[in-house]
């Protein structure tokens, strides 16, 4: 696996990143969402290939993508060995408020 520095930091990420939109509870976003067991299999395979970079969002499958990814990583790798990129969806009533971002 090839790696690159993340921006101007000393953090090295794999040049391939696993997009996690397909992870999560069925019926919450897409018909092709994979369950928690399949998520863990995919994450383990990615780690075996040397991938250390995962991208998710709280809006993917109502947040279950982040939950499934977190549990799969916790079972299979030390947290300091991976980089997780995440995005968030602002809740309309909290638009651009700190509590929406924290939530």
PDB file of N, CA and C in Angstrom:
ATOM      1  N   UNK A   1       0.848  -1.179   0.000  1.00  0.00           N
ATOM      2  CA  UNK A   1       0.000   0.000   0.000  1.00  0.00           C
ATOM      3  C   UNK A   1       0.891   1.238   0.000  1.00  0.00           C
ATOM      4  N   UNK A   2       0.500   2.211  -0.767  1.00  0.00           N
ATOM      5  CA  UNK A   2       1.210   3.483  -0.770  1.00  0.00           C
ATOM      6  C   UNK A   2       0.526   4.436   0.196  1.00  0.00           C
ATOM      7  N   UNK A   3       1.338   5.305   0.808  1.00  0.00           N
ATOM      8  CA  UNK A   3       0.825   6.252   1.796  1.00  0.00           C
ATOM      9  C   UNK A   3       1.249   7.663   1.420  1.00  0.00           C
ATOM     10  N   UNK A   4       0.522   8.619   1.932  1.00  0.00           N
ATOM     11  CA  UNK A   4       0.834  10.025   1.699  1.00  0.00           C
ATOM     12  C   UNK A   4       0.598  10.792   2.989  1.00  0.00           C
ATOM     13  N   UNK A   5       1.315  11.900   3.142  1.00  0.00           N
ATOM     14  CA  UNK A   5       1.094  12.783   4.288  1.00  0.00           C
ATOM     15  C   UNK A   5      -0.259  13.462   4.132  1.00  0.00           C
ATOM     16  N   UNK A   6      -0.967  13.606   5.222  1.00  0.00           N
ATOM     17  CA  UNK A   6      -2.258  14.284   5.210  1.00  0.00           C
ATOM     18  C   UNK A   6      -2.013  15.776   5.403  1.00  0.00           C
ATOM     19  N   UNK A   7      -2.190  16.513   4.328  1.00  0.00           N
ATOM     20  CA  UNK A   7      -1.961  17.958   4.377  1.00  0.00           C
ATOM     21  C   UNK A   7      -0.551  18.284   4.818  1.00  0.00           C
ATOM     22  N   UNK A   8      -0.436  19.229   5.748  1.00  0.00           N
ATOM     23  CA  UNK A   8       0.866  19.641   6.282  1.00  0.00           C
ATOM     24  C   UNK A   8       1.185  18.977   7.608  1.00  0.00           C
ATOM     25  N   UNK A   9       0.574  17.819   7.864  1.00  0.00           N
ATOM     26  CA  UNK A   9       0.779  17.114   9.131  1.00  0.00           C
ATOM     27  C   UNK A   9       1.782  15.983   8.956  1.00  0.00           C
ATOM     28  N   UNK A  10       2.082  15.301  10.041  1.00  0.00           N
ATOM     29  CA  UNK A  10       2.920  14.101   9.990  1.00  0.00           C
ATOM     30  C   UNK A  10       2.071  12.834   9.891  1.00  0.00           C
ATOM     31  N   UNK A  11       0.765  12.993   9.744  1.00  0.00           N
ATOM     32  CA  UNK A  11      -0.136  11.849   9.664  1.00  0.00           C
ATOM     33  C   UNK A  11      -0.036  11.237   8.271  1.00  0.00           C
ATOM     34  N   UNK A  12       0.186   9.917   8.226  1.00  0.00           N
ATOM     35  CA  UNK A  12       0.260   9.213   6.955  1.00  0.00           C
ATOM     36  C   UNK A  12      -1.010   8.412   6.748  1.00  0.00           C
ATOM     37  N   UNK A  13      -1.616   8.604   5.586  1.00  0.00           N
ATOM     38  CA  UNK A  13      -2.827   7.862   5.246  1.00  0.00           C
ATOM     39  C   UNK A  13      -2.585   7.057   3.980  1.00  0.00           C
ATOM     40  N   UNK A  14      -3.283   5.937   3.892  1.00  0.00           N
ATOM     41  CA  UNK A  14      -3.199   5.136   2.671  1.00  0.00           C
ATOM     42  C   UNK A  14      -3.769   5.960   1.518  1.00  0.00           C
ATOM     43  N   UNK A  15      -3.203   5.746   0.337  1.00  0.00           N
ATOM     44  CA  UNK A  15      -3.697   6.484  -0.831  1.00  0.00           C
ATOM     45  C   UNK A  15      -5.084   6.016  -1.245  1.00  0.00           C
ATOM     46  N   UNK A  16      -5.485   4.867  -0.755  1.00  0.00           N
ATOM     47  CA  UNK A  16      -6.859   4.394  -0.925  1.00  0.00           C
ATOM     48  C   UNK A  16      -7.608   4.613   0.379  1.00  0.00           C
ATOM     49  N   UNK A  17      -8.829   5.095   0.270  1.00  0.00           N
ATOM     50  CA  UNK A  17      -9.673   5.355   1.428  1.00  0.00           C
ATOM     51  C   UNK A  17     -10.952   4.537   1.271  1.00  0.00           C
ATOM     52  N   UNK A  18     -11.418   3.938   2.352  1.00  0.00           N
ATOM     53  CA  UNK A  18     -12.675   3.201   2.307  1.00  0.00           C
ATOM     54  C   UNK A  18     -13.814   4.158   2.603  1.00  0.00           C
ATOM     55  N   UNK A  19     -14.703   4.329   1.640  1.00  0.00           N
ATOM     56  CA  UNK A  19     -15.914   5.106   1.841  1.00  0.00           C
ATOM     57  C   UNK A  19     -16.949   4.237   2.540  1.00  0.00           C
ATOM     58  N   UNK A  20     -17.550   4.766   3.579  1.00  0.00           N
ATOM     59  CA  UNK A  20     -18.409   3.947   4.448  1.00  0.00           C
ATOM     60  C   UNK A  20     -19.902   4.221   4.282  1.00  0.00           C
ATOM     61  N   UNK A  21     -20.300   4.835   3.161  1.00  0.00           N
ATOM     62  CA  UNK A  21     -21.711   5.106   2.948  1.00  0.00           C
ATOM     63  C   UNK A  21     -22.541   3.822   2.889  1.00  0.00           C
ATOM     64  N   UNK A  22     -21.920   2.725   2.507  1.00  0.00           N
ATOM     65  CA  UNK A  22     -22.657   1.461   2.400  1.00  0.00           C
ATOM     66  C   UNK A  22     -22.789   0.726   3.728  1.00  0.00           C
ATOM     67  N   UNK A  23     -22.162   1.215   4.783  1.00  0.00           N
ATOM     68  CA  UNK A  23     -22.268   0.585   6.098  1.00  0.00           C
ATOM     69  C   UNK A  23     -23.478   1.149   6.828  1.00  0.00           C
ATOM     70  N   UNK A  24     -24.218   0.302   7.530  1.00  0.00           N
ATOM     71  CA  UNK A  24     -25.289   0.831   8.362  1.00  0.00           C
ATOM     72  C   UNK A  24     -26.535  -0.028   8.397  1.00  0.00           C
ATOM     73  N   UNK A  25     -27.448   0.393   9.237  1.00  0.00           N
ATOM     74  CA  UNK A  25     -28.706  -0.317   9.443  1.00  0.00           C
ATOM     75  C   UNK A  25     -29.542  -0.290   8.164  1.00  0.00           C
ATOM     76  N   UNK A  26     -30.003  -1.453   7.764  1.00  0.00           N
ATOM     77  CA  UNK A  26     -30.803  -1.576   6.550  1.00  0.00           C
ATOM     78  C   UNK A  26     -32.066  -0.724   6.636  1.00  0.00           C
ATOM     79  N   UNK A  27     -32.416  -0.143   5.498  1.00  0.00           N
ATOM     80  CA  UNK A  27     -33.648   0.619   5.411  1.00  0.00           C
ATOM     81  C   UNK A  27     -33.558   2.054   5.885  1.00  0.00           C
ATOM     82  N   UNK A  28     -32.391   2.482   6.347  1.00  0.00           N
ATOM     83  CA  UNK A  28     -32.263   3.854   6.836  1.00  0.00           C
ATOM     84  C   UNK A  28     -31.716   4.807   5.786  1.00  0.00           C
ATOM     85  N   UNK A  29     -31.176   4.259   4.684  1.00  0.00           N
ATOM     86  CA  UNK A  29     -30.632   5.141   3.657  1.00  0.00           C
ATOM     87  C   UNK A  29     -30.752   4.525   2.265  1.00  0.00           C
ATOM     88  N   UNK A  30     -30.117   3.366   2.066  1.00  0.00           N
ATOM     89  CA  UNK A  30     -30.087   2.724   0.760  1.00  0.00           C
ATOM     90  C   UNK A  30     -30.494   1.257   0.889  1.00  0.00           C
ATOM     91  N   UNK A  31     -30.972   0.699  -0.187  1.00  0.00           N
ATOM     92  CA  UNK A  31     -31.326  -0.719  -0.198  1.00  0.00           C
ATOM     93  C   UNK A  31     -30.078  -1.602  -0.159  1.00  0.00           C
ATOM     94  N   UNK A  32     -28.919  -1.037  -0.552  1.00  0.00           N
ATOM     95  CA  UNK A  32     -27.694  -1.832  -0.635  1.00  0.00           C
ATOM     96  C   UNK A  32     -26.791  -1.675   0.588  1.00  0.00           C
ATOM     97  N   UNK A  33     -27.319  -1.176   1.689  1.00  0.00           N
ATOM     98  CA  UNK A  33     -26.528  -1.017   2.915  1.00  0.00           C
ATOM     99  C   UNK A  33     -26.159  -2.384   3.487  1.00  0.00           C
ATOM    100  N   UNK A  34     -24.916  -2.504   3.963  1.00  0.00           N
ATOM    101  CA  UNK A  34     -24.466  -3.779   4.544  1.00  0.00           C
ATOM    102  C   UNK A  34     -24.570  -3.727   6.066  1.00  0.00           C
ATOM    103  N   UNK A  35     -24.832  -4.889   6.659  1.00  0.00           N
ATOM    104  CA  UNK A  35     -25.031  -4.963   8.107  1.00  0.00           C
ATOM    105  C   UNK A  35     -23.711  -4.898   8.871  1.00  0.00           C
ATOM    106  N   UNK A  36     -23.807  -4.992  10.183  1.00  0.00           N
ATOM    107  CA  UNK A  36     -22.617  -4.830  11.025  1.00  0.00           C
ATOM    108  C   UNK A  36     -21.581  -5.921  10.804  1.00  0.00           C
ATOM    109  N   UNK A  37     -22.027  -7.163  10.625  1.00  0.00           N
ATOM    110  CA  UNK A  37     -21.072  -8.262  10.394  1.00  0.00           C
ATOM    111  C   UNK A  37     -20.328  -8.069   9.073  1.00  0.00           C
ATOM    112  N   UNK A  38     -21.045  -7.697   8.030  1.00  0.00           N
ATOM    113  CA  UNK A  38     -20.402  -7.459   6.733  1.00  0.00           C
ATOM    114  C   UNK A  38     -19.480  -6.253   6.796  1.00  0.00           C
ATOM    115  N   UNK A  39     -19.874  -5.236   7.548  1.00  0.00           N
ATOM    116  CA  UNK A  39     -19.019  -4.064   7.741  1.00  0.00           C
ATOM    117  C   UNK A  39     -17.690  -4.487   8.349  1.00  0.00           C
ATOM    118  N   UNK A  40     -17.752  -5.318   9.386  1.00  0.00           N
ATOM    119  CA  UNK A  40     -16.510  -5.754  10.025  1.00  0.00           C
ATOM    120  C   UNK A  40     -15.637  -6.550   9.063  1.00  0.00           C
ATOM    121  N   UNK A  41     -16.239  -7.399   8.244  1.00  0.00           N
ATOM    122  CA  UNK A  41     -15.454  -8.161   7.261  1.00  0.00           C
ATOM    123  C   UNK A  41     -14.744  -7.229   6.285  1.00  0.00           C
ATOM    124  N   UNK A  42     -15.456  -6.225   5.809  1.00  0.00           N
ATOM    125  CA  UNK A  42     -14.870  -5.264   4.868  1.00  0.00           C
ATOM    126  C   UNK A  42     -13.734  -4.490   5.530  1.00  0.00           C
ATOM    127  N   UNK A  43     -13.962  -4.047   6.753  1.00  0.00           N
ATOM    128  CA  UNK A  43     -12.943  -3.283   7.483  1.00  0.00           C
ATOM    129  C   UNK A  43     -11.703  -4.149   7.724  1.00  0.00           C
ATOM    130  N   UNK A  44     -11.900  -5.383   8.142  1.00  0.00           N
ATOM    131  CA  UNK A  44     -10.759  -6.287   8.373  1.00  0.00           C
ATOM    132  C   UNK A  44      -9.967  -6.501   7.087  1.00  0.00           C
ATOM    133  N   UNK A  45     -10.663  -6.700   5.988  1.00  0.00           N
ATOM    134  CA  UNK A  45      -9.978  -6.902   4.708  1.00  0.00           C
ATOM    135  C   UNK A  45      -9.187  -5.657   4.316  1.00  0.00           C
ATOM    136  N   UNK A  46      -9.793  -4.498   4.491  1.00  0.00           N
ATOM    137  CA  UNK A  46      -9.098  -3.238   4.173  1.00  0.00           C
ATOM    138  C   UNK A  46      -7.841  -3.101   5.025  1.00  0.00           C
ATOM    139  N   UNK A  47      -7.952  -3.384   6.312  1.00  0.00           N
ATOM    140  CA  UNK A  47      -6.791  -3.304   7.200  1.00  0.00           C
ATOM    141  C   UNK A  47      -5.705  -4.284   6.767  1.00  0.00           C
ATOM    142  N   UNK A  48      -6.110  -5.495   6.382  1.00  0.00           N
ATOM    143  CA  UNK A  48      -5.141  -6.496   5.902  1.00  0.00           C
ATOM    144  C   UNK A  48      -4.406  -6.014   4.655  1.00  0.00           C
ATOM    145  N   UNK A  49      -5.074  -5.203   3.845  1.00  0.00           N
ATOM    146  CA  UNK A  49      -4.454  -4.651   2.633  1.00  0.00           C
ATOM    147  C   UNK A  49      -3.581  -3.435   2.929  1.00  0.00           C
ATOM    148  N   UNK A  50      -3.599  -2.977   4.168  1.00  0.00           N
ATOM    149  CA  UNK A  50      -2.804  -1.814   4.545  1.00  0.00           C
ATOM    150  C   UNK A  50      -3.561  -0.502   4.504  1.00  0.00           C
ATOM    151  N   UNK A  51      -4.859  -0.558   4.233  1.00  0.00           N
ATOM    152  CA  UNK A  51      -5.660   0.666   4.221  1.00  0.00           C
ATOM    153  C   UNK A  51      -5.877   1.125   5.659  1.00  0.00           C
ATOM    154  N   UNK A  52      -5.589   2.393   5.902  1.00  0.00           N
ATOM    155  CA  UNK A  52      -5.750   2.938   7.257  1.00  0.00           C
ATOM    156  C   UNK A  52      -6.642   4.184   7.276  1.00  0.00           C
ATOM    157  N   UNK A  53      -7.331   4.445   6.180  1.00  0.00           N
ATOM    158  CA  UNK A  53      -8.094   5.678   6.004  1.00  0.00           C
ATOM    159  C   UNK A  53      -9.545   5.336   5.676  1.00  0.00           C
ATOM    160  N   UNK A  54     -10.471   5.824   6.504  1.00  0.00           N
ATOM    161  CA  UNK A  54     -11.891   5.517   6.369  1.00  0.00           C
ATOM    162  C   UNK A  54     -12.683   6.823   6.396  1.00  0.00           C
ATOM    163  N   UNK A  55     -13.675   6.915   5.514  1.00  0.00           N
ATOM    164  CA  UNK A  55     -14.496   8.121   5.422  1.00  0.00           C
ATOM    165  C   UNK A  55     -15.958   7.778   5.687  1.00  0.00           C
ATOM    166  N   UNK A  56     -16.572   8.497   6.619  1.00  0.00           N
ATOM    167  CA  UNK A  56     -17.960   8.253   6.982  1.00  0.00           C
ATOM    168  C   UNK A  56     -18.657   9.581   7.264  1.00  0.00           C
ATOM    169  N   UNK A  57     -19.887   9.515   7.738  1.00  0.00           N
ATOM    170  CA  UNK A  57     -20.638  10.724   8.090  1.00  0.00           C
ATOM    171  C   UNK A  57     -21.790  10.350   9.008  1.00  0.00           C
ATOM    172  N   UNK A  58     -22.190  11.288   9.840  1.00  0.00           N
ATOM    173  CA  UNK A  58     -23.298  10.992  10.749  1.00  0.00           C
ATOM    174  C   UNK A  58     -24.617  10.827   9.997  1.00  0.00           C
ATOM    175  N   UNK A  59     -24.691  11.322   8.779  1.00  0.00           N
ATOM    176  CA  UNK A  59     -25.900  11.185   7.990  1.00  0.00           C
ATOM    177  C   UNK A  59     -26.008   9.868   7.249  1.00  0.00           C
ATOM    178  N   UNK A  60     -24.956   9.084   7.235  1.00  0.00           N
ATOM    179  CA  UNK A  60     -25.006   7.787   6.557  1.00  0.00           C
ATOM    180  C   UNK A  60     -25.790   6.820   7.430  1.00  0.00           C
ATOM    181  N   UNK A  61     -26.902   6.374   6.929  1.00  0.00           N
ATOM    182  CA  UNK A  61     -27.757   5.399   7.622  1.00  0.00           C
ATOM    183  C   UNK A  61     -28.069   5.820   9.048  1.00  0.00           C
ATOM    184  N   UNK A  62     -28.448   7.084   9.185  1.00  0.00           N
ATOM    185  CA  UNK A  62     -28.845   7.650  10.487  1.00  0.00           C
ATOM    186  C   UNK A  62     -27.773   7.468  11.561  1.00  0.00           C
ATOM    187  N   UNK A  63     -26.518   7.544  11.161  1.00  0.00           N
ATOM    188  CA  UNK A  63     -25.413   7.452  12.106  1.00  0.00           C
ATOM    189  C   UNK A  63     -24.904   6.050  12.360  1.00  0.00           C
ATOM    190  N   UNK A  64     -25.610   5.046  11.867  1.00  0.00           N
ATOM    191  CA  UNK A  64     -25.165   3.672  12.135  1.00  0.00           C
ATOM    192  C   UNK A  64     -23.893   3.318  11.368  1.00  0.00           C
ATOM    193  N   UNK A  65     -23.605   4.030  10.275  1.00  0.00           N
ATOM    194  CA  UNK A  65     -22.332   3.810   9.578  1.00  0.00           C
ATOM    195  C   UNK A  65     -21.170   4.095  10.519  1.00  0.00           C
ATOM    196  N   UNK A  66     -21.224   5.230  11.211  1.00  0.00           N
ATOM    197  CA  UNK A  66     -20.154   5.574  12.153  1.00  0.00           C
ATOM    198  C   UNK A  66     -20.083   4.557  13.292  1.00  0.00           C
ATOM    199  N   UNK A  67     -21.247   4.125  13.781  1.00  0.00           N
ATOM    200  CA  UNK A  67     -21.274   3.160  14.880  1.00  0.00           C
ATOM    201  C   UNK A  67     -20.662   1.828  14.460  1.00  0.00           C
ATOM    202  N   UNK A  68     -21.069   1.308  13.304  1.00  0.00           N
ATOM    203  CA  UNK A  68     -20.545   0.024  12.825  1.00  0.00           C
ATOM    204  C   UNK A  68     -19.047   0.117  12.559  1.00  0.00           C
ATOM    205  N   UNK A  69     -18.626   1.201  11.927  1.00  0.00           N
ATOM    206  CA  UNK A  69     -17.203   1.396  11.654  1.00  0.00           C
ATOM    207  C   UNK A  69     -16.421   1.448  12.952  1.00  0.00           C
ATOM    208  N   UNK A  70     -16.902   2.204  13.907  1.00  0.00           N
ATOM    209  CA  UNK A  70     -16.205   2.334  15.189  1.00  0.00           C
ATOM    210  C   UNK A  70     -16.031   1.006  15.889  1.00  0.00           C
ATOM    211  N   UNK A  71     -17.084   0.204  15.920  1.00  0.00           N
ATOM    212  CA  UNK A  71     -16.984  -1.101  16.592  1.00  0.00           C
ATOM    213  C   UNK A  71     -16.053  -2.041  15.835  1.00  0.00           C
ATOM    214  N   UNK A  72     -16.108  -2.010  14.493  1.00  0.00           N
ATOM    215  CA  UNK A  72     -15.221  -2.878  13.699  1.00  0.00           C
ATOM    216  C   UNK A  72     -13.762  -2.497  13.912  1.00  0.00           C
ATOM    217  N   UNK A  73     -13.479  -1.204  13.935  1.00  0.00           N
ATOM    218  CA  UNK A  73     -12.098  -0.763  14.160  1.00  0.00           C
ATOM    219  C   UNK A  73     -11.641  -1.131  15.560  1.00  0.00           C
ATOM    220  N   UNK A  74     -12.497  -0.918  16.539  1.00  0.00           N
ATOM    221  CA  UNK A  74     -12.134  -1.212  17.931  1.00  0.00           C
ATOM    222  C   UNK A  74     -11.757  -2.682  18.114  1.00  0.00           C
ATOM    223  N   UNK A  75     -12.433  -3.573  17.401  1.00  0.00           N
ATOM    224  CA  UNK A  75     -12.162  -5.009  17.510  1.00  0.00           C
ATOM    225  C   UNK A  75     -10.895  -5.429  16.774  1.00  0.00           C
ATOM    226  N   UNK A  76     -10.453  -4.626  15.789  1.00  0.00           N
ATOM    227  CA  UNK A  76      -9.428  -5.124  14.870  1.00  0.00           C
ATOM    228  C   UNK A  76      -8.150  -4.322  14.753  1.00  0.00           C
ATOM    229  N   UNK A  77      -8.086  -3.147  15.369  1.00  0.00           N
ATOM    230  CA  UNK A  77      -6.877  -2.338  15.203  1.00  0.00           C
ATOM    231  C   UNK A  77      -6.780  -1.337  16.347  1.00  0.00           C
ATOM    232  N   UNK A  78      -5.581  -0.939  16.650  1.00  0.00           N
ATOM    233  CA  UNK A  78      -5.362   0.112  17.635  1.00  0.00           C
ATOM    234  C   UNK A  78      -5.800   1.446  17.041  1.00  0.00           C
ATOM    235  N   UNK A  79      -6.504   2.254  17.807  1.00  0.00           N
ATOM    236  CA  UNK A  79      -7.074   3.512  17.296  1.00  0.00           C
ATOM    237  C   UNK A  79      -6.018   4.432  16.695  1.00  0.00           C
ATOM    238  N   UNK A  80      -4.810   4.406  17.212  1.00  0.00           N
ATOM    239  CA  UNK A  80      -3.779   5.308  16.693  1.00  0.00           C
ATOM    240  C   UNK A  80      -3.209   4.842  15.348  1.00  0.00           C
ATOM    241  N   UNK A  81      -3.701   3.744  14.825  1.00  0.00           N
ATOM    242  CA  UNK A  81      -3.216   3.213  13.547  1.00  0.00           C
ATOM    243  C   UNK A  81      -4.115   3.567  12.375  1.00  0.00           C
ATOM    244  N   UNK A  82      -5.263   4.210  12.636  1.00  0.00           N
ATOM    245  CA  UNK A  82      -6.192   4.547  11.561  1.00  0.00           C
ATOM    246  C   UNK A  82      -6.582   6.018  11.602  1.00  0.00           C
ATOM    247  N   UNK A  83      -7.028   6.505  10.449  1.00  0.00           N
ATOM    248  CA  UNK A  83      -7.527   7.873  10.327  1.00  0.00           C
ATOM    249  C   UNK A  83      -8.977   7.779   9.866  1.00  0.00           C
ATOM    250  N   UNK A  84      -9.847   8.474  10.581  1.00  0.00           N
ATOM    251  CA  UNK A  84     -11.264   8.489  10.234  1.00  0.00           C
ATOM    252  C   UNK A  84     -11.637   9.911   9.835  1.00  0.00           C
ATOM    253  N   UNK A  85     -12.107  10.043   8.613  1.00  0.00           N
ATOM    254  CA  UNK A  85     -12.641  11.322   8.158  1.00  0.00           C
ATOM    255  C   UNK A  85     -14.152  11.230   8.305  1.00  0.00           C
ATOM    256  N   UNK A  86     -14.748  12.262   8.856  1.00  0.00           N
ATOM    257  CA  UNK A  86     -16.200  12.254   8.995  1.00  0.00           C
ATOM    258  C   UNK A  86     -16.746  13.628   8.677  1.00  0.00           C
ATOM    259  N   UNK A  87     -17.996  13.629   8.279  1.00  0.00           N
ATOM    260  CA  UNK A  87     -18.708  14.864   8.016  1.00  0.00           C
ATOM    261  C   UNK A  87     -19.942  14.854   8.904  1.00  0.00           C
ATOM    262  N   UNK A  88     -20.636  15.963   8.977  1.00  0.00           N
ATOM    263  CA  UNK A  88     -21.874  15.973   9.761  1.00  0.00           C
ATOM    264  C   UNK A  88     -22.950  16.733   9.026  1.00  0.00           C
ATOM    265  N   UNK A  89     -24.163  16.373   9.326  1.00  0.00           N
ATOM    266  CA  UNK A  89     -25.318  17.053   8.766  1.00  0.00           C
ATOM    267  C   UNK A  89     -25.896  17.931   9.852  1.00  0.00           C
ATOM    268  N   UNK A  90     -26.070  19.192   9.535  1.00  0.00           N
ATOM    269  CA  UNK A  90     -26.655  20.112  10.504  1.00  0.00           C
ATOM    270  C   UNK A  90     -28.150  19.878  10.612  1.00  0.00           C
ATOM    271  N   UNK A  91     -28.626  19.903  11.822  1.00  0.00           N
ATOM    272  CA  UNK A  91     -30.052  19.774  12.078  1.00  0.00           C
ATOM    273  C   UNK A  91     -30.659  21.159  11.894  1.00  0.00           C
ATOM    274  N   UNK A  92     -31.714  21.286  11.083  1.00  0.00           N
ATOM    275  CA  UNK A  92     -32.235  22.618  10.732  1.00  0.00           C
ATOM    276  C   UNK A  92     -32.447  23.568  11.909  1.00  0.00           C
ATOM    277  N   UNK A  93     -33.011  23.092  12.983  1.00  0.00           N
ATOM    278  CA  UNK A  93     -33.270  24.011  14.102  1.00  0.00           C
ATOM    279  C   UNK A  93     -31.991  24.463  14.810  1.00  0.00           C
ATOM    280  N   UNK A  94     -30.886  23.776  14.571  1.00  0.00           N
ATOM    281  CA  UNK A  94     -29.615  24.108  15.211  1.00  0.00           C
ATOM    282  C   UNK A  94     -28.603  24.634  14.198  1.00  0.00           C
ATOM    283  N   UNK A  95     -29.045  25.060  13.028  1.00  0.00           N
ATOM    284  CA  UNK A  95     -28.154  25.389  11.933  1.00  0.00           C
ATOM    285  C   UNK A  95     -26.948  26.209  12.393  1.00  0.00           C
ATOM    286  N   UNK A  96     -25.763  25.629  12.172  1.00  0.00           N
ATOM    287  CA  UNK A  96     -24.474  26.235  12.505  1.00  0.00           C
ATOM    288  C   UNK A  96     -24.278  26.504  13.995  1.00  0.00           C
ATOM    289  N   UNK A  97     -24.983  25.777  14.828  1.00  0.00           N
ATOM    290  CA  UNK A  97     -24.759  25.911  16.251  1.00  0.00           C
ATOM    291  C   UNK A  97     -23.862  24.790  16.749  1.00  0.00           C
ATOM    292  N   UNK A  98     -23.076  25.079  17.744  1.00  0.00           N
ATOM    293  CA  UNK A  98     -22.103  24.123  18.282  1.00  0.00           C
ATOM    294  C   UNK A  98     -22.760  22.805  18.685  1.00  0.00           C
ATOM    295  N   UNK A  99     -23.926  22.857  19.312  1.00  0.00           N
ATOM    296  CA  UNK A  99     -24.559  21.616  19.796  1.00  0.00           C
ATOM    297  C   UNK A  99     -24.922  20.681  18.645  1.00  0.00           C
ATOM    298  N   UNK A 100     -25.234  21.241  17.480  1.00  0.00           N
ATOM    299  CA  UNK A 100     -25.533  20.406  16.326  1.00  0.00           C
ATOM    300  C   UNK A 100     -24.275  19.670  15.872  1.00  0.00           C
ATOM    301  N   UNK A 101     -23.159  20.354  15.871  1.00  0.00           N
ATOM    302  CA  UNK A 101     -21.899  19.743  15.460  1.00  0.00           C
ATOM    303  C   UNK A 101     -21.493  18.669  16.460  1.00  0.00           C
ATOM    304  N   UNK A 102     -21.601  18.941  17.741  1.00  0.00           N
ATOM    305  CA  UNK A 102     -21.249  17.966  18.778  1.00  0.00           C
ATOM    306  C   UNK A 102     -22.157  16.751  18.701  1.00  0.00           C
ATOM    307  N   UNK A 103     -23.452  16.974  18.497  1.00  0.00           N
ATOM    308  CA  UNK A 103     -24.406  15.875  18.402  1.00  0.00           C
ATOM    309  C   UNK A 103     -24.044  14.982  17.242  1.00  0.00           C
TER     310      UNK A 103
END
